[in-house]
Amino acid sequence: MLQPQRAFTERETKLQSLLTQTAASPSHSHDHVLSVVGFGQWLSGIYHANMEVVTAAAILHDTGRSNPNLRGKAAATAAVVTAESLLEEAGYAAIEITQITQCIHEHDDPNFHSKLLESRILKDADFLDGFGARGVIRSVMYTVETGGGVAEAMDRLQRKMSDRLHGLEFLESRRLAWQLHRLTEVFLSQLQTSLPVEQVVYSGKLIVFEGISGSGKDMQINLLQKKLAAAGQEPVILHHPSPELKKLGQEWGSVESSSLGYGLLLLADWSKTVSAEILPALKAGKIVISSRSSWSLQAYQAHDQAVQTFYRFAASWEPVADVVVYLKIDPEMALQRTQERTAAGQESPGVFRTSQVVQSEAYEQTKKYYPRVVEADSALPVEEVHRQILTALRSLEIVI
């Protein structure tokens, strides 16, 4: 959804108030109107169109949807009749009303290319609110409103959305729409693909340790490994990123500053670890302990919610951990620990100075997306943290 680019004028505010007197289709409600206004004003600014005409047309373009029996061109024709009276009442001039109603009348046909710039802008603005996540949910809502089922909804997403993609008027619209449409392709793919149920059947257990650098993951993993070994169990210990990627990362950092670029390398490295080591060990009934997972990828490489979501989805093939041990620690204390390691030659100087707080905040933002997260206060003495972790793992029947 794109919000309006400027405040409404007095006449536009009047139209808004008059519009509340007409019932709206749930899939073409007020938030859709605002989104179309936003896209319309955005395109008007690029192409120097009459923004007053575009905005009024966007506000009124779906008034015909108040009749649930009207669709497509019939709804647009009915909207013109309603718009004429509302525009007159709001104080629009005759020439403005002619242009606005022309925009409304022509906006819903993907194959029609108007000679009026403002009409082409309204068409694209309306279509743009039908792509991506909003497009999926609005298509499903509209299908339900018109009495359709799953097959009809899929048809709208496949065939009719494709028609709208290819019917867009402006280069900027096409660029944005195709980016948004990738989500729809994934959505449709999941509807049409068999679920990989065999990937979740194994007798092993996966324990993941997470936390910012300096939280004590390696120490706690070593203690847990010794405890399990004393009980006759030999867990598989893994680290992410792998030593090979750490070496490559040093070279990559010298030529590439993109967090997304390095994040994709981390995903590839994690995919190799999962397929070559983690899944075989889990299927063999072993306990696997991993230092970090894709959760770290979000904390370190994605300080934007949209990118974090992308990484979670991109790593949806990873096994869901039976438990995630999240070692919480004050960033200043963690920084002090990393500085001590730096002084001992175990870390590169300056790497963590500006990042600990940001990474800690990212962990807090994303922890709700992971099941069975056990939090331990890493500021406590090492043995006390170890006891907390053991107690939690026993309560979850992960270890005896």
Protein backbone atom coordinates (compact mmCIF):
# COMPACT_ATOMS: atom_id res chain seq x y z
CA MET A 1 0.00 0.00 0.00
CA LEU A 2 1.28 3.44 -0.93
CA GLN A 3 -0.03 6.30 1.17
CA PRO A 4 -1.20 9.57 -0.49
CA GLN A 5 1.74 11.77 -1.42
CA ARG A 6 0.11 14.99 -0.22
CA ALA A 7 -2.73 16.12 2.03
CA PHE A 8 -6.25 16.23 0.59
CA THR A 9 -7.55 19.56 -0.65
CA GLU A 10 -10.83 20.98 0.65
CA ARG A 11 -12.72 19.58 -2.35
CA GLU A 12 -11.11 16.15 -1.99
CA THR A 13 -11.96 16.10 1.71
CA LYS A 14 -15.55 16.91 0.74
CA LEU A 15 -15.57 13.98 -1.69
CA GLN A 16 -14.25 11.73 1.07
CA SER A 17 -17.06 12.75 3.40
CA LEU A 18 -19.68 12.26 0.70
CA LEU A 19 -18.21 8.89 -0.17
CA THR A 20 -18.81 7.54 3.34
CA GLN A 21 -22.51 7.59 2.56
CA THR A 22 -22.08 4.77 0.02
CA ALA A 23 -21.43 1.16 0.98
CA ALA A 24 -18.08 -0.26 -0.08
CA SER A 25 -17.14 -3.71 -1.24
CA PRO A 26 -14.82 -5.26 1.40
CA SER A 27 -12.13 -5.90 -1.23
CA HIS A 28 -12.51 -2.33 -2.56
CA SER A 29 -12.80 -0.52 0.76
CA HIS A 30 -11.34 2.74 2.06
CA ASP A 31 -7.78 1.44 2.40
CA HIS A 32 -7.84 0.43 -1.28
CA VAL A 33 -9.00 3.91 -2.20
CA LEU A 34 -6.15 5.49 -0.24
CA SER A 35 -3.65 3.15 -1.88
CA VAL A 36 -4.92 4.02 -5.36
CA VAL A 37 -4.72 7.72 -4.44
CA GLY A 38 -1.11 7.18 -3.35
CA PHE A 39 -0.09 5.38 -6.53
CA GLY A 40 -1.99 7.89 -8.65
CA GLN A 41 -0.30 10.88 -7.06
CA TRP A 42 3.10 9.17 -7.36
CA LEU A 43 2.66 8.60 -11.10
CA SER A 44 1.17 12.07 -11.56
CA GLY A 45 4.32 13.58 -10.10
CA ILE A 46 6.52 11.59 -12.48
CA TYR A 47 4.50 12.37 -15.62
CA HIS A 48 3.30 15.89 -14.69
CA ALA A 49 -0.37 14.93 -14.86
CA ASN A 50 -3.28 16.86 -13.38
CA MET A 51 -3.09 15.55 -9.81
CA GLU A 52 -6.47 17.06 -8.90
CA VAL A 53 -8.17 15.00 -11.61
CA VAL A 54 -6.29 11.82 -10.74
CA THR A 55 -6.94 12.15 -7.01
CA ALA A 56 -10.67 12.77 -7.41
CA ALA A 57 -10.96 9.86 -9.85
CA ALA A 58 -9.08 7.60 -7.44
CA ILE A 59 -11.38 8.54 -4.57
CA LEU A 60 -14.50 7.78 -6.60
CA HIS A 61 -13.39 5.03 -9.00
CA ASP A 62 -15.02 2.13 -7.13
CA THR A 63 -18.32 3.67 -6.02
CA GLY A 64 -20.08 1.26 -8.40
CA ARG A 65 -18.88 -1.61 -6.21
CA SER A 66 -21.54 -0.68 -3.65
CA ASN A 67 -23.82 -2.89 -5.74
CA PRO A 68 -22.50 -6.48 -5.26
CA ASN A 69 -24.08 -7.56 -8.55
CA LEU A 70 -21.97 -5.15 -10.62
CA ARG A 71 -18.47 -6.07 -11.78
CA GLY A 72 -15.86 -4.80 -14.23
CA LYS A 73 -17.20 -2.39 -16.85
CA ALA A 74 -20.70 -2.44 -15.38
CA ALA A 75 -19.34 -1.33 -11.99
CA ALA A 76 -17.25 1.39 -13.67
CA THR A 77 -20.30 2.68 -15.56
CA ALA A 78 -22.33 2.83 -12.35
CA ALA A 79 -19.43 4.63 -10.63
CA VAL A 80 -19.54 7.34 -13.30
CA VAL A 81 -23.20 8.07 -12.53
CA THR A 82 -22.51 8.30 -8.79
CA ALA A 83 -19.36 10.33 -9.32
CA GLU A 84 -21.06 13.01 -11.40
CA SER A 85 -23.43 14.02 -8.63
CA LEU A 86 -20.76 13.84 -5.92
CA LEU A 87 -18.33 15.95 -7.96
CA GLU A 88 -20.97 18.60 -8.60
CA GLU A 89 -21.79 18.74 -4.89
CA ALA A 90 -18.08 19.06 -4.02
CA GLY A 91 -17.66 22.03 -6.38
CA TYR A 92 -15.80 20.60 -9.37
CA ALA A 93 -16.05 22.39 -12.73
CA ALA A 94 -17.75 20.78 -15.73
CA ILE A 95 -14.47 20.20 -17.62
CA GLU A 96 -12.98 18.55 -14.53
CA ILE A 97 -16.01 16.30 -14.11
CA THR A 98 -15.72 15.21 -17.74
CA GLN A 99 -12.08 14.23 -17.32
CA ILE A 100 -12.61 12.56 -13.93
CA THR A 101 -15.54 10.48 -15.11
CA GLN A 102 -13.62 9.48 -18.25
CA CYS A 103 -10.83 8.17 -15.99
CA ILE A 104 -13.33 6.19 -13.93
CA HIS A 105 -15.09 4.77 -16.98
CA GLU A 106 -11.86 3.55 -18.59
CA HIS A 107 -9.85 2.35 -15.57
CA ASP A 108 -10.78 -1.34 -15.29
CA ASP A 109 -9.87 -2.77 -18.73
CA PRO A 110 -6.30 -4.17 -19.01
CA ASN A 111 -6.49 -4.16 -22.83
CA PHE A 112 -7.71 -0.58 -23.26
CA HIS A 113 -5.15 2.23 -23.64
CA SER A 114 -6.72 5.64 -23.18
CA LYS A 115 -5.55 8.81 -24.92
CA LEU A 116 -6.01 10.70 -21.63
CA LEU A 117 -2.87 10.65 -19.46
CA GLU A 118 -4.81 10.86 -16.21
CA SER A 119 -6.95 7.88 -17.25
CA ARG A 120 -3.90 5.73 -17.89
CA ILE A 121 -2.52 6.78 -14.49
CA LEU A 122 -5.73 5.80 -12.67
CA LYS A 123 -5.69 2.43 -14.42
CA ASP A 124 -2.14 1.70 -13.30
CA ALA A 125 -2.76 3.02 -9.79
CA ASP A 126 -5.77 0.72 -9.38
CA PHE A 127 -3.92 -2.28 -10.78
CA LEU A 128 -0.82 -1.68 -8.62
CA ASP A 129 -2.84 -2.22 -5.46
CA GLY A 130 -3.63 -5.70 -6.78
CA PHE A 131 -0.12 -7.15 -6.74
CA GLY A 132 2.02 -8.69 -4.01
CA ALA A 133 0.61 -9.56 -0.59
CA ARG A 134 -2.26 -7.08 -0.90
CA GLY A 135 -3.09 -8.48 -4.29
CA VAL A 136 -3.34 -12.01 -2.94
CA ILE A 137 -5.60 -11.11 -0.03
CA ARG A 138 -7.78 -8.76 -2.09
CA SER A 139 -8.19 -11.36 -4.84
CA VAL A 140 -9.28 -13.98 -2.32
CA MET A 141 -11.67 -11.52 -0.66
CA TYR A 142 -13.21 -10.58 -4.00
CA THR A 143 -13.59 -14.23 -4.98
CA VAL A 144 -15.50 -14.90 -1.76
CA GLU A 145 -17.65 -11.79 -2.26
CA THR A 146 -18.65 -13.02 -5.72
CA GLY A 147 -19.41 -16.57 -4.60
CA GLY A 148 -16.28 -18.25 -5.92
CA GLY A 149 -14.03 -20.90 -4.36
CA VAL A 150 -10.39 -21.95 -4.42
CA ALA A 151 -10.35 -22.68 -8.16
CA GLU A 152 -11.77 -19.25 -8.97
CA ALA A 153 -9.30 -17.56 -6.64
CA MET A 154 -6.37 -19.35 -8.31
CA ASP A 155 -7.69 -18.35 -11.72
CA ARG A 156 -7.76 -14.71 -10.65
CA LEU A 157 -4.19 -14.93 -9.36
CA GLN A 158 -2.89 -16.75 -12.43
CA ARG A 159 -4.78 -15.53 -15.46
CA LYS A 160 -6.41 -12.24 -14.53
CA MET A 161 -3.43 -10.94 -12.60
CA SER A 162 -1.23 -11.78 -15.58
CA ASP A 163 -3.56 -9.76 -17.82
CA ARG A 164 -3.16 -6.79 -15.51
CA LEU A 165 0.61 -7.16 -15.39
CA HIS A 166 0.81 -7.00 -19.17
CA GLY A 167 -1.78 -4.22 -19.37
CA LEU A 168 0.15 -1.69 -17.28
CA GLU A 169 0.85 1.61 -19.01
CA PHE A 170 4.03 2.97 -17.44
CA LEU A 171 7.56 1.64 -17.11
CA GLU A 172 7.69 2.42 -13.38
CA SER A 173 4.42 0.56 -12.82
CA ARG A 174 5.71 -2.50 -14.63
CA ARG A 175 8.98 -2.51 -12.70
CA LEU A 176 7.19 -2.36 -9.34
CA ALA A 177 4.42 -4.79 -10.28
CA TRP A 178 6.82 -7.51 -11.45
CA GLN A 179 8.79 -7.23 -8.21
CA LEU A 180 5.59 -7.57 -6.17
CA HIS A 181 4.32 -10.40 -8.35
CA ARG A 182 7.17 -12.71 -7.30
CA LEU A 183 5.37 -13.25 -3.98
CA THR A 184 2.22 -14.31 -5.85
CA GLU A 185 4.26 -16.81 -7.85
CA VAL A 186 5.58 -18.35 -4.63
CA PHE A 187 2.07 -18.43 -3.16
CA LEU A 188 0.67 -20.22 -6.20
CA SER A 189 3.62 -22.61 -6.27
CA GLN A 190 2.92 -23.70 -2.69
CA LEU A 191 -0.76 -24.27 -3.52
CA GLN A 192 0.22 -26.54 -6.40
CA THR A 193 3.14 -28.42 -4.80
CA SER A 194 3.00 -31.51 -2.60
CA LEU A 195 4.09 -30.86 0.98
CA PRO A 196 7.56 -32.28 1.85
CA VAL A 197 6.31 -34.25 4.86
CA GLU A 198 9.20 -36.71 4.67
CA GLN A 199 11.64 -33.93 5.64
CA VAL A 200 10.25 -33.66 9.18
CA VAL A 201 10.37 -37.36 10.07
CA TYR A 202 13.50 -38.22 12.08
CA SER A 203 14.37 -39.37 15.59
CA GLY A 204 17.29 -37.03 16.33
CA LYS A 205 17.14 -33.72 18.18
CA LEU A 206 18.43 -30.33 17.04
CA ILE A 207 19.66 -27.85 19.66
CA VAL A 208 20.66 -24.40 18.42
CA PHE A 209 22.60 -21.86 20.47
CA GLU A 210 22.01 -18.22 19.55
CA GLY A 211 23.10 -14.84 20.86
CA ILE A 212 25.33 -11.90 19.97
CA SER A 213 29.11 -12.29 19.86
CA GLY A 214 30.42 -12.44 23.40
CA SER A 215 27.34 -14.13 24.85
CA GLY A 216 29.24 -17.36 25.56
CA LYS A 217 27.83 -19.78 22.99
CA ASP A 218 31.01 -21.79 22.48
CA MET A 219 31.57 -22.13 26.22
CA GLN A 220 28.05 -23.40 26.84
CA ILE A 221 28.19 -25.78 23.86
CA ASN A 222 31.42 -27.27 25.20
CA LEU A 223 29.88 -27.79 28.65
CA LEU A 224 26.77 -29.42 27.17
CA GLN A 225 28.89 -31.63 24.94
CA LYS A 226 30.87 -32.88 27.94
CA LYS A 227 27.67 -33.51 29.91
CA LEU A 228 26.17 -35.55 27.09
CA ALA A 229 29.42 -37.46 26.54
CA ALA A 230 29.51 -38.39 30.23
CA ALA A 231 26.02 -39.83 29.78
CA GLY A 232 27.17 -41.94 26.83
CA GLN A 233 25.88 -39.66 24.08
CA GLU A 234 28.11 -38.20 21.37
CA PRO A 235 26.41 -35.13 19.90
CA VAL A 236 27.33 -33.71 16.50
CA ILE A 237 28.75 -30.19 16.97
CA LEU A 238 28.46 -27.71 14.11
CA HIS A 239 29.18 -24.02 13.63
CA HIS A 240 27.62 -21.48 11.29
CA PRO A 241 29.21 -20.02 9.29
CA SER A 242 31.57 -22.83 8.37
CA PRO A 243 35.36 -22.30 8.51
CA GLU A 244 35.40 -22.32 4.70
CA LEU A 245 32.88 -19.49 4.50
CA LYS A 246 34.68 -17.45 7.14
CA LYS A 247 37.76 -17.52 4.95
CA LEU A 248 35.73 -16.65 1.86
CA GLY A 249 33.93 -13.92 3.80
CA GLN A 250 37.21 -12.14 4.44
CA GLU A 251 37.89 -12.06 0.71
CA TRP A 252 34.28 -11.15 -0.11
CA GLY A 253 34.34 -8.23 2.32
CA SER A 254 37.24 -6.66 0.49
CA VAL A 255 35.31 -6.44 -2.80
CA GLU A 256 31.62 -6.43 -1.82
CA SER A 257 29.95 -4.25 0.80
CA SER A 258 26.39 -5.53 0.30
CA SER A 259 24.93 -7.19 3.38
CA LEU A 260 22.43 -8.95 1.12
CA GLY A 261 25.22 -10.32 -1.05
CA TYR A 262 27.09 -11.77 1.91
CA GLY A 263 23.79 -12.92 3.40
CA LEU A 264 23.14 -15.04 0.32
CA LEU A 265 26.57 -16.59 0.74
CA LEU A 266 25.65 -17.41 4.33
CA LEU A 267 22.40 -19.00 3.15
CA ALA A 268 24.29 -21.16 0.66
CA ASP A 269 26.76 -22.19 3.36
CA TRP A 270 23.95 -23.02 5.80
CA SER A 271 22.11 -25.00 3.14
CA LYS A 272 25.22 -27.14 2.59
CA THR A 273 25.60 -27.71 6.34
CA VAL A 274 21.94 -28.68 6.73
CA SER A 275 21.84 -31.10 3.79
CA ALA A 276 25.30 -32.64 4.24
CA GLU A 277 25.54 -32.82 8.03
CA ILE A 278 22.48 -31.83 10.06
CA LEU A 279 19.71 -33.81 8.33
CA PRO A 280 21.76 -37.03 8.00
CA ALA A 281 22.66 -36.85 11.70
CA LEU A 282 19.04 -36.21 12.72
CA LYS A 283 17.83 -39.12 10.58
CA ALA A 284 20.48 -41.29 12.26
CA GLY A 285 18.91 -40.44 15.63
CA LYS A 286 21.75 -38.23 16.90
CA ILE A 287 21.68 -35.03 18.93
CA VAL A 288 22.93 -32.12 16.83
CA ILE A 289 24.18 -28.95 18.52
CA SER A 290 24.64 -25.98 16.24
CA SER A 291 26.24 -22.67 17.08
CA ARG A 292 23.96 -20.28 15.19
CA SER A 293 21.34 -20.80 12.49
CA SER A 294 19.43 -18.57 10.06
CA TRP A 295 18.33 -16.53 13.09
CA SER A 296 21.88 -15.13 13.26
CA LEU A 297 21.64 -14.28 9.58
CA GLN A 298 18.74 -11.95 10.34
CA ALA A 299 20.47 -10.35 13.31
CA TYR A 300 23.74 -9.71 11.50
CA GLN A 301 22.81 -9.15 7.86
CA ALA A 302 19.27 -7.73 7.93
CA HIS A 303 18.38 -4.69 10.00
CA ASP A 304 15.17 -4.19 8.04
CA GLN A 305 11.98 -6.14 8.72
CA ALA A 306 11.33 -6.91 5.05
CA VAL A 307 14.81 -8.39 4.58
CA GLN A 308 14.49 -10.35 7.84
CA THR A 309 11.25 -11.85 6.52
CA PHE A 310 12.96 -12.69 3.24
CA TYR A 311 15.76 -14.54 5.04
CA ARG A 312 13.28 -16.52 7.18
CA PHE A 313 11.41 -17.61 4.08
CA ALA A 314 14.59 -18.29 2.10
CA ALA A 315 15.75 -20.58 4.92
CA SER A 316 12.41 -22.35 5.32
CA TRP A 317 14.10 -25.61 4.30
CA GLU A 318 16.15 -25.69 7.53
CA PRO A 319 14.92 -28.11 10.23
CA VAL A 320 12.93 -26.43 12.97
CA ALA A 321 15.08 -26.63 16.10
CA ASP A 322 13.69 -28.75 18.93
CA VAL A 323 14.97 -25.99 21.18
CA VAL A 324 16.83 -22.71 20.66
CA VAL A 325 19.01 -21.64 23.59
CA TYR A 326 19.11 -17.86 23.41
CA LEU A 327 21.92 -16.45 25.53
CA LYS A 328 20.92 -12.94 26.51
CA ILE A 329 23.53 -10.46 27.61
CA ASP A 330 23.94 -6.71 27.89
CA PRO A 331 25.69 -5.50 24.71
CA GLU A 332 28.28 -3.59 26.74
CA MET A 333 29.27 -6.72 28.64
CA ALA A 334 29.42 -8.69 25.39
CA LEU A 335 31.59 -5.97 23.87
CA GLN A 336 33.94 -6.15 26.82
CA ARG A 337 34.29 -9.90 26.32
CA THR A 338 35.01 -9.51 22.61
CA GLN A 339 37.59 -6.83 23.38
CA GLU A 340 39.30 -9.22 25.76
CA ARG A 341 39.37 -11.82 22.98
CA THR A 342 40.77 -9.18 20.64
CA ALA A 343 43.56 -8.42 23.09
CA ALA A 344 44.33 -12.14 23.21
CA GLY A 345 44.48 -12.26 19.41
CA GLN A 346 41.24 -14.23 19.05
CA GLU A 347 39.21 -11.52 17.27
CA SER A 348 39.95 -8.79 14.72
CA PRO A 349 40.04 -5.35 16.40
CA GLY A 350 37.05 -3.04 16.02
CA VAL A 351 34.72 -5.59 14.45
CA PHE A 352 32.06 -5.45 17.16
CA ARG A 353 32.27 -1.88 18.46
CA THR A 354 29.25 -0.47 16.63
CA SER A 355 27.23 -3.62 16.04
CA GLN A 356 26.45 -5.25 19.37
CA VAL A 357 23.46 -3.06 20.24
CA VAL A 358 21.98 -3.35 16.74
CA GLN A 359 22.36 -7.12 16.70
CA SER A 360 20.89 -7.48 20.18
CA GLU A 361 17.84 -5.46 19.10
CA ALA A 362 17.48 -7.60 15.96
CA TYR A 363 17.46 -10.78 18.06
CA GLU A 364 14.71 -9.34 20.25
CA GLN A 365 12.66 -8.36 17.19
CA THR A 366 12.83 -11.80 15.61
CA LYS A 367 12.71 -14.24 18.52
CA LYS A 368 8.90 -14.42 18.35
CA TYR A 369 9.22 -16.17 15.00
CA TYR A 370 10.95 -19.21 16.54
CA PRO A 371 9.27 -21.93 18.64
CA ARG A 372 10.68 -23.37 21.87
CA VAL A 373 13.14 -20.57 22.63
CA VAL A 374 14.84 -20.96 26.01
CA GLU A 375 16.38 -17.76 27.33
CA ALA A 376 19.37 -17.86 29.66
CA ASP A 377 21.03 -14.90 31.39
CA SER A 378 24.57 -15.07 30.06
CA ALA A 379 25.76 -12.45 32.53
CA LEU A 380 25.53 -15.05 35.32
CA PRO A 381 28.48 -17.31 36.19
CA VAL A 382 29.19 -19.92 33.50
CA GLU A 383 28.18 -22.91 35.65
CA GLU A 384 24.90 -21.27 36.65
CA VAL A 385 24.02 -20.62 33.00
CA HIS A 386 24.90 -24.25 32.25
CA ARG A 387 22.54 -25.45 35.00
CA GLN A 388 19.73 -23.25 33.66
CA ILE A 389 20.20 -24.71 30.18
CA LEU A 390 20.23 -28.31 31.45
CA THR A 391 17.06 -27.73 33.47
CA ALA A 392 15.29 -26.30 30.42
CA LEU A 393 16.44 -29.10 28.13
CA ARG A 394 15.26 -31.74 30.61
CA SER A 395 11.89 -30.06 31.04
CA LEU A 396 11.46 -30.19 27.26
CA GLU A 397 12.63 -33.82 27.21
CA ILE A 398 15.51 -32.94 24.89
CA VAL A 399 18.16 -34.52 27.13
CA ILE A 400 17.95 -36.79 30.19
